[in-house]
Protein backbone atom coordinates (compact mmCIF):
# COMPACT_ATOMS: atom_id res chain seq x y z
CA MET A 1 157.00 87.44 202.43
CA THR A 2 157.94 85.12 205.28
CA LYS A 3 159.88 86.91 208.01
CA LYS A 4 163.27 85.52 208.99
CA ILE A 5 164.58 84.93 212.50
CA LEU A 6 168.15 84.06 213.38
CA PHE A 7 167.91 81.95 216.54
CA LEU A 8 171.08 81.69 218.64
CA HIS A 9 170.84 78.91 221.20
CA GLY A 10 172.37 78.84 224.66
CA TRP A 11 175.40 77.07 226.02
CA ARG A 12 175.10 73.29 225.69
CA SER A 13 171.67 73.72 224.15
CA VAL A 14 170.52 72.70 220.67
CA PRO A 15 169.36 74.75 217.66
CA GLY A 16 166.12 72.78 217.22
CA GLY A 17 164.79 73.20 220.73
CA VAL A 18 161.38 74.27 222.03
CA LYS A 19 161.76 78.01 221.41
CA SER A 20 163.11 77.89 217.87
CA SER A 21 160.58 75.19 216.95
CA TYR A 22 157.76 77.33 218.38
CA LEU A 23 158.75 80.25 216.18
CA LYS A 24 158.97 78.00 213.12
CA ASP A 25 155.57 76.48 213.87
CA HIS A 26 154.10 79.99 213.92
CA GLY A 27 155.18 80.92 210.44
CA TYR A 28 158.74 82.22 210.69
CA GLU A 29 161.69 81.07 208.64
CA VAL A 30 164.08 80.20 211.45
CA ILE A 31 167.83 80.00 210.87
CA ALA A 32 169.25 78.10 213.84
CA PRO A 33 172.95 77.27 213.45
CA VAL A 34 174.91 74.93 215.69
CA LEU A 35 177.12 77.14 217.87
CA ASP A 36 180.42 76.02 219.38
CA ASP A 37 180.02 75.53 223.14
CA GLU A 38 183.68 75.85 224.07
CA ASP A 39 184.98 78.80 222.03
CA PHE A 40 182.88 81.97 222.12
CA GLU A 41 184.81 83.53 219.23
CA VAL A 42 184.12 80.53 217.01
CA ALA A 43 180.43 80.68 217.93
CA LEU A 44 180.46 84.42 217.23
CA ALA A 45 181.97 83.87 213.79
CA THR A 46 179.26 81.31 212.99
CA ALA A 47 176.50 83.67 214.14
CA GLN A 48 177.98 86.52 212.10
CA ALA A 49 178.23 84.37 208.98
CA MET A 50 174.60 83.29 209.31
CA PHE A 51 173.47 86.87 209.77
CA ASP A 52 175.45 88.08 206.76
CA LEU A 53 174.07 85.26 204.61
CA HIS A 54 170.40 85.40 205.57
CA LYS A 55 169.85 89.04 206.68
CA PRO A 56 167.12 88.16 209.23
CA ASP A 57 164.50 90.63 210.42
CA VAL A 58 164.90 89.61 214.06
CA ILE A 59 167.65 87.93 216.07
CA VAL A 60 166.53 85.86 219.06
CA GLY A 61 169.34 84.98 221.45
CA SER A 62 168.88 82.70 224.45
CA SER A 63 171.29 83.03 227.42
CA ARG A 64 174.78 82.74 225.86
CA GLY A 65 173.04 83.22 222.53
CA GLY A 66 171.87 86.59 223.84
CA ALA A 67 175.48 87.60 224.39
CA LEU A 68 176.25 86.46 220.84
CA ALA A 69 173.36 88.54 219.51
CA MET A 70 174.73 91.61 221.27
CA ASN A 71 178.23 91.12 219.86
CA ILE A 72 177.63 90.50 216.15
CA GLU A 73 177.40 93.28 213.58
CA SER A 74 173.68 93.12 212.88
CA SER A 75 172.82 96.43 211.21
CA ASP A 76 169.23 97.41 212.07
CA ALA A 77 167.94 93.90 212.85
CA LYS A 78 165.79 93.78 215.99
CA LEU A 79 167.09 91.89 219.03
CA VAL A 80 165.00 89.69 221.33
CA LEU A 81 167.17 88.47 224.20
CA LEU A 82 166.05 85.67 226.50
CA CYS A 83 167.82 85.83 229.88
CA PRO A 84 170.99 87.15 228.17
CA ALA A 85 174.30 86.15 229.77
CA TRP A 86 176.01 89.36 228.64
CA LYS A 87 178.18 89.66 231.75
CA LYS A 88 179.80 86.27 231.17
CA TRP A 89 180.48 86.34 227.43
CA GLY A 90 181.46 88.99 224.90
CA VAL A 91 182.51 92.62 225.15
CA SER A 92 179.28 94.46 224.38
CA LYS A 93 177.76 96.05 227.48
CA ALA A 94 174.89 98.01 225.97
CA LEU A 95 171.80 97.52 223.81
CA ARG A 96 170.51 99.65 220.98
CA ALA A 97 166.93 100.82 220.64
CA ASN A 98 164.30 98.34 219.44
CA SER A 99 165.80 95.60 221.57
CA VAL A 100 163.66 93.62 224.02
CA ILE A 101 164.68 91.38 226.92
CA LEU A 102 162.54 88.59 228.35
CA HIS A 103 163.71 87.40 231.75
CA SER A 104 162.35 85.55 234.76
CA ARG A 105 162.89 87.05 238.18
CA SER A 106 163.27 83.44 239.39
CA ASP A 107 166.12 82.72 236.95
CA GLU A 108 168.64 80.55 238.78
CA VAL A 109 171.37 80.85 236.12
CA VAL A 110 171.46 84.50 235.03
CA ALA A 111 170.34 87.05 237.61
CA PHE A 112 167.30 89.15 236.72
CA SER A 113 169.24 92.15 238.04
CA ASP A 114 171.74 91.69 235.18
CA SER A 115 169.02 92.55 232.70
CA GLU A 116 167.85 95.47 234.81
CA GLU A 117 171.42 96.76 234.81
CA LEU A 118 171.75 96.27 231.04
CA VAL A 119 168.60 98.27 230.33
CA ALA A 120 169.65 101.05 232.70
CA CYS A 121 173.20 101.27 231.30
CA SER A 122 171.80 101.39 227.76
CA GLY A 123 169.50 104.29 228.59
CA LEU A 124 166.47 102.36 227.32
CA PRO A 125 162.87 102.62 228.60
CA SER A 126 161.54 100.22 231.21
CA GLU A 127 159.36 98.35 228.70
CA THR A 128 162.58 97.03 227.14
CA LEU A 129 162.61 94.41 229.93
CA ILE A 130 159.63 92.08 230.21
CA GLU A 131 159.40 89.90 233.31
CA ILE A 132 158.00 86.50 232.37
CA GLY A 133 158.45 82.82 233.20
CA ASN A 134 159.47 80.80 236.23
CA ASP A 135 163.03 79.76 235.39
CA HIS A 136 165.98 80.27 233.05
CA ARG A 137 164.58 78.22 230.16
CA LEU A 138 161.49 80.35 229.41
CA ALA A 139 159.96 77.30 227.76
CA ASP A 140 156.54 77.51 229.43
CA ALA A 141 153.47 78.39 227.39
CA ALA A 142 153.21 81.99 228.62
CA SER A 143 156.88 82.74 227.91
CA LEU A 144 156.67 81.25 224.43
CA SER A 145 153.56 83.28 223.70
CA VAL A 146 155.21 86.53 224.82
CA MET A 147 158.34 85.71 222.79
CA LEU A 148 156.19 85.26 219.68
CA TRP A 149 154.25 88.47 220.39
CA VAL A 150 157.47 90.46 220.71
CA CYS A 151 158.91 88.96 217.52
CA ASP A 152 155.68 89.74 215.65
CA LEU A 153 155.73 93.36 216.77
CA LEU A 154 159.40 93.97 216.02
CA ALA A 155 159.34 92.11 212.70
CA SER A 156 156.45 94.33 211.57
CA GLY A 157 158.29 97.50 212.57
CA GLN A 158 156.22 98.26 215.65
CA GLN A 159 157.44 99.07 219.13
CA ILE A 160 156.61 97.46 222.46
CA PRO A 161 153.65 99.44 223.86
CA SER A 162 153.94 101.27 227.14
CA ILE A 163 151.56 103.21 229.35
CA GLU A 164 151.76 106.86 230.28
CA GLY A 165 150.19 108.63 233.20
CA GLN A 166 150.36 109.14 236.91
CA ASN A 167 152.11 106.88 239.34
CA PRO A 168 149.68 104.10 240.30
CA SER A 169 150.41 104.79 243.95
CA ASP A 170 148.77 108.22 243.62
CA GLY A 171 145.30 107.55 244.98
CA ASP A 172 142.84 106.19 242.43
CA ALA A 173 144.88 107.17 239.36
CA SER A 174 145.79 103.55 238.70
CA SER A 175 142.24 102.75 237.58
CA HIS A 176 142.48 105.35 234.78
CA GLU A 177 145.65 104.16 233.02
CA GLU A 178 145.45 103.17 229.37
CA ALA A 179 147.44 100.87 227.12
CA SER A 180 146.97 99.33 223.70
CA TYR A 181 147.16 96.01 221.91
CA VAL A 182 147.19 95.01 218.25
CA CYS A 183 144.23 92.88 217.17
CA ASP A 184 145.49 89.65 215.69
CA ALA A 185 142.58 89.47 213.24
CA CYS A 186 142.51 92.96 211.69
CA GLY A 187 145.85 94.45 212.75
CA GLU A 188 144.30 97.57 214.31
CA GLU A 189 145.80 99.09 217.45
CA ILE A 190 143.13 99.08 220.16
CA VAL A 191 143.37 101.35 223.22
CA ILE A 192 142.00 99.84 226.42
CA PRO A 193 141.67 101.08 230.01
CA LEU A 194 143.75 99.39 232.69
CA ASP A 195 142.63 98.77 236.24
CA LEU A 196 145.84 98.11 238.15
CA THR A 197 143.79 97.22 241.23
CA GLU A 198 142.87 93.93 239.51
CA GLY A 199 146.38 92.59 240.06
CA SER A 200 149.73 92.45 238.30
CA SER A 201 148.79 89.54 236.02
CA GLN A 202 145.46 89.71 234.19
CA THR A 203 143.89 87.69 231.37
CA TYR A 204 140.46 88.25 229.89
CA VAL A 205 138.56 88.04 226.58
CA GLU A 206 137.08 90.99 224.72
CA ASP A 207 135.81 91.64 221.20
CA CYS A 208 137.81 93.92 218.94
CA PRO A 209 135.72 97.11 218.45
CA VAL A 210 136.84 97.27 214.81
CA CYS A 211 136.37 93.73 213.46
CA CYS A 212 134.39 92.18 216.36
CA ARG A 213 136.73 89.17 216.58
CA ALA A 214 137.40 87.94 220.11
CA ASN A 215 140.88 88.47 221.56
CA THR A 216 142.40 87.05 224.72
CA ILE A 217 144.04 90.05 226.39
CA HIS A 218 147.09 89.57 228.62
CA VAL A 219 148.25 92.29 231.02
CA GLN A 220 151.47 92.14 233.04
CA ILE A 221 152.27 95.00 235.42
CA ASP A 222 155.65 95.40 237.10
CA ASP A 223 156.47 96.83 240.53
CA HIS A 224 156.75 100.35 239.08
CA GLY A 225 153.31 100.30 237.49
CA ASN A 226 154.58 99.76 233.95
CA ALA A 227 152.30 97.51 231.91
CA GLN A 228 152.89 95.11 229.05
CA VAL A 229 149.74 94.28 227.08
CA TRP A 230 149.37 91.81 224.23
CA ALA A 231 146.57 89.92 222.53
CA GLU A 232 146.05 86.47 221.08
CA PRO A 233 143.06 85.26 219.04
CA GLU A 234 140.54 83.43 221.21
CA GLN A 235 140.31 80.87 218.42
CA ASP A 236 141.97 80.23 215.08
CA TYR A 237 140.20 81.66 212.05
CA ASP A 238 140.38 80.35 208.49
């Protein structure tokens, strides 16, 4: 069954933009209503009506749309918030579990620290916030890829992977960290070693040890040594 995403666009944006189109092109049924730019309550009512009608698996909210996603009654639907402007619109000041934020530290519209504050105030783990992109739009290829990866995980009932272990500043411990990714071809979770000395942004290709299909592995490591790892197929398979 095709998974459904309710996409809530940002202020003065459009429902058929790059991000919603990207999700649609990758197999999702995307519900993307036109949201009133001037009246937040009207936009909120529209978003609520679309949620009640379609019962999506995931809600993706961009900027002001992120604030809308936080403020509708959405049951157990997963939330993916892109640079959410939660301080400017709405009354909700906390996130529930199984929510994920994507945000650029270079965001010139909504401060990255707003998302750090939101995660901290919600009592959620650090992997809730993924640093990605170079601006507020998050329309670059890497950001779109991470958005899709997060939606795929949450829609399938999985959680964002995290790493456990010693602080990477403790001698050579950083070279012995582990994390995992889900093989796109066979769906198996694959545990891999991490060498944090190779830098905070790593990309390489390796064969899945289960099905032998090649995966492009992406590793992003934040200032605290927390890693986000995801995989894409090296090539499309029939």
